[in-house]
Amino acid sequence: MTDLDTKLCPFHLAFPVRDLTETRDFYLNILGCREGRSSDRWIDFDLLGHQIVAHQIDDETAATADADAGANAVDGHEVPVPHFGVVMDWQQWHEFAERLKGQGVSFVIEPHVRFPGEVGEQATMFFRDPSGNALEFKAFQDPKQLFAS
């Protein structure tokens, strides 16, 4: 086993956005991220200990994820591809889902429990940021189910 197998490390993700002002507002005030370094072209955010970086792209089509590569059917829902997000603690996920609902976030897939009673049972929700990037936040009552097959 290597350290990558046993130690959880923060991930880094850079993604395109069309407007840094609306992106900053969404990630700080809707998602509750903390802002790190920034410039007039990019912003680092702390997303539950992970570094995500919004890069402003001038080409409107390149900066908009509204035209997804597609979707995959998963447990009766069309899951947008690509997407990114974080696996949260069960209670934290439920509190976060309620906060997002209270802020009027429009969900692609409403918060719900997927695969109930099966291997991999999880709470999940999908929504988009202002540039159309799809985000998924999920949680497992039993964290060992994350990679269960």
Protein backbone atom coordinates (compact mmCIF):
# COMPACT_ATOMS: atom_id res chain seq x y z
CA MET A 1 0.00 0.00 0.00
CA THR A 2 1.20 3.53 -0.78
CA ASP A 3 0.48 6.77 1.04
CA LEU A 4 -2.05 7.56 -1.68
CA ASP A 5 -3.99 4.47 -0.62
CA THR A 6 -4.06 5.29 3.10
CA LYS A 7 -3.93 9.08 3.48
CA LEU A 8 -6.70 11.36 2.30
CA CYS A 9 -5.14 14.32 0.54
CA PRO A 10 -6.85 17.49 -0.66
CA PHE A 11 -7.56 17.51 -4.37
CA HIS A 12 -6.99 20.42 -6.74
CA LEU A 13 -9.39 21.25 -9.55
CA ALA A 14 -9.25 24.15 -12.00
CA PHE A 15 -12.44 24.91 -13.94
CA PRO A 16 -13.67 27.56 -16.40
CA VAL A 17 -16.08 30.35 -15.52
CA ARG A 18 -17.50 33.25 -17.48
CA ASP A 19 -17.66 35.90 -14.73
CA LEU A 20 -15.47 36.07 -11.61
CA THR A 21 -17.82 38.40 -9.71
CA GLU A 22 -20.83 36.06 -9.93
CA THR A 23 -18.54 33.08 -9.32
CA ARG A 24 -17.07 34.66 -6.17
CA ASP A 25 -20.56 35.43 -4.86
CA PHE A 26 -21.82 31.87 -5.50
CA TYR A 27 -18.86 30.01 -4.02
CA LEU A 28 -18.51 32.31 -0.98
CA ASN A 29 -22.12 33.15 -0.15
CA ILE A 30 -24.09 30.17 -1.46
CA LEU A 31 -21.65 27.29 -0.93
CA GLY A 32 -19.80 28.84 2.02
CA CYS A 33 -16.30 28.37 0.63
CA ARG A 34 -13.37 30.41 1.90
CA GLU A 35 -11.43 32.50 -0.61
CA GLY A 36 -7.69 32.02 -0.97
CA ARG A 37 -5.43 33.77 -3.43
CA SER A 38 -6.86 35.50 -6.46
CA SER A 39 -6.05 37.71 -9.41
CA ASP A 40 -8.15 39.50 -12.00
CA ARG A 41 -8.37 36.17 -13.94
CA TRP A 42 -8.73 33.45 -11.27
CA ILE A 43 -9.85 32.76 -7.69
CA ASP A 44 -8.74 29.97 -5.33
CA PHE A 45 -11.51 28.60 -3.10
CA ASP A 46 -11.29 26.27 -0.11
CA LEU A 47 -14.08 23.75 -0.70
CA LEU A 48 -14.15 21.68 2.51
CA GLY A 49 -10.34 21.51 2.54
CA HIS A 50 -9.91 21.04 -1.22
CA GLN A 51 -8.47 23.64 -3.56
CA ILE A 52 -10.69 24.55 -6.47
CA VAL A 53 -9.71 27.36 -8.80
CA ALA A 54 -12.15 29.30 -10.97
CA HIS A 55 -10.44 30.59 -14.12
CA GLN A 56 -12.19 33.26 -16.16
CA ILE A 57 -12.25 32.25 -19.81
CA ASP A 58 -13.08 34.88 -22.43
CA ASP A 59 -14.45 32.42 -25.00
CA GLU A 60 -18.10 32.24 -23.88
CA THR A 61 -18.60 28.71 -25.20
CA ALA A 62 -15.45 27.43 -23.47
CA ALA A 63 -16.45 29.12 -20.20
CA THR A 64 -19.95 27.66 -20.12
CA ALA A 65 -20.58 24.09 -19.07
CA ASP A 66 -24.27 24.30 -20.01
CA ALA A 67 -23.47 22.16 -23.05
CA ASP A 68 -22.48 19.06 -21.08
CA ALA A 69 -20.79 16.10 -22.67
CA GLY A 70 -24.05 14.38 -21.82
CA ALA A 71 -25.68 12.56 -18.97
CA ASN A 72 -25.71 9.04 -17.60
CA ALA A 73 -28.76 7.37 -16.14
CA VAL A 74 -28.10 6.54 -12.49
CA ASP A 75 -30.86 5.23 -10.23
CA GLY A 76 -33.58 6.83 -12.35
CA HIS A 77 -31.92 10.25 -12.74
CA GLU A 78 -29.94 11.82 -15.60
CA VAL A 79 -26.58 12.64 -13.99
CA PRO A 80 -24.74 15.48 -15.78
CA VAL A 81 -21.28 14.68 -17.13
CA PRO A 82 -18.86 16.17 -16.29
CA HIS A 83 -19.42 17.17 -12.67
CA PHE A 84 -17.39 17.57 -9.49
CA GLY A 85 -18.06 17.90 -5.78
CA VAL A 86 -17.27 16.57 -2.33
CA VAL A 87 -18.26 13.62 -0.17
CA MET A 88 -19.50 15.08 3.11
CA ASP A 89 -20.40 13.81 6.54
CA TRP A 90 -24.03 12.55 6.67
CA GLN A 91 -25.31 15.23 9.07
CA GLN A 92 -23.27 17.96 7.36
CA TRP A 93 -24.79 16.98 3.99
CA HIS A 94 -28.36 17.25 5.32
CA GLU A 95 -27.67 20.65 6.89
CA PHE A 96 -26.02 21.83 3.66
CA ALA A 97 -28.97 20.61 1.55
CA GLU A 98 -31.42 22.51 3.76
CA ARG A 99 -29.27 25.66 3.56
CA LEU A 100 -29.14 25.44 -0.25
CA LYS A 101 -32.92 24.94 -0.43
CA GLY A 102 -33.38 27.98 1.81
CA GLN A 103 -31.22 30.03 -0.53
CA GLY A 104 -33.34 29.04 -3.52
CA VAL A 105 -30.71 26.97 -5.31
CA SER A 106 -32.16 25.32 -8.41
CA PHE A 107 -31.30 21.62 -8.34
CA VAL A 108 -30.55 19.52 -11.41
CA ILE A 109 -31.27 16.52 -9.18
CA GLU A 110 -33.01 17.29 -5.88
CA PRO A 111 -31.42 16.12 -2.62
CA HIS A 112 -32.39 12.49 -2.06
CA VAL A 113 -31.06 9.08 -1.01
CA ARG A 114 -29.82 6.99 -3.94
CA PHE A 115 -29.66 3.17 -3.87
CA PRO A 116 -31.68 2.85 -0.62
CA GLY A 117 -30.96 -0.39 1.19
CA GLU A 118 -28.30 -1.38 -1.37
CA VAL A 119 -24.52 -1.39 -1.44
CA GLY A 120 -23.41 2.20 -1.98
CA GLU A 121 -26.51 3.80 -0.45
CA GLN A 122 -25.85 7.55 -0.44
CA ALA A 123 -27.45 10.94 -0.10
CA THR A 124 -26.81 13.03 -3.20
CA MET A 125 -27.76 16.28 -4.92
CA PHE A 126 -26.72 18.05 -8.13
CA PHE A 127 -26.87 21.74 -9.02
CA ARG A 128 -24.98 24.19 -11.22
CA ASP A 129 -22.81 27.20 -10.51
CA PRO A 130 -23.46 30.48 -12.40
CA SER A 131 -21.25 29.33 -15.31
CA GLY A 132 -23.17 26.06 -15.66
CA ASN A 133 -20.57 23.77 -14.04
CA ALA A 134 -22.38 20.79 -12.51
CA LEU A 135 -21.63 20.03 -8.86
CA GLU A 136 -22.52 16.93 -6.85
CA PHE A 137 -22.41 16.74 -3.08
CA LYS A 138 -22.96 13.35 -1.50
CA ALA A 139 -22.74 11.56 1.84
CA PHE A 140 -22.75 8.00 3.15
CA GLN A 141 -24.11 6.90 6.51
CA ASP A 142 -21.33 4.31 6.38
CA PRO A 143 -18.21 5.94 4.87
CA LYS A 144 -16.89 2.46 4.01
CA GLN A 145 -19.59 2.31 1.31
CA LEU A 146 -17.77 4.97 -0.77
CA PHE A 147 -15.87 2.37 -2.81
CA ALA A 148 -18.03 -0.68 -2.04
CA SER A 149 -18.87 -2.87 -5.01
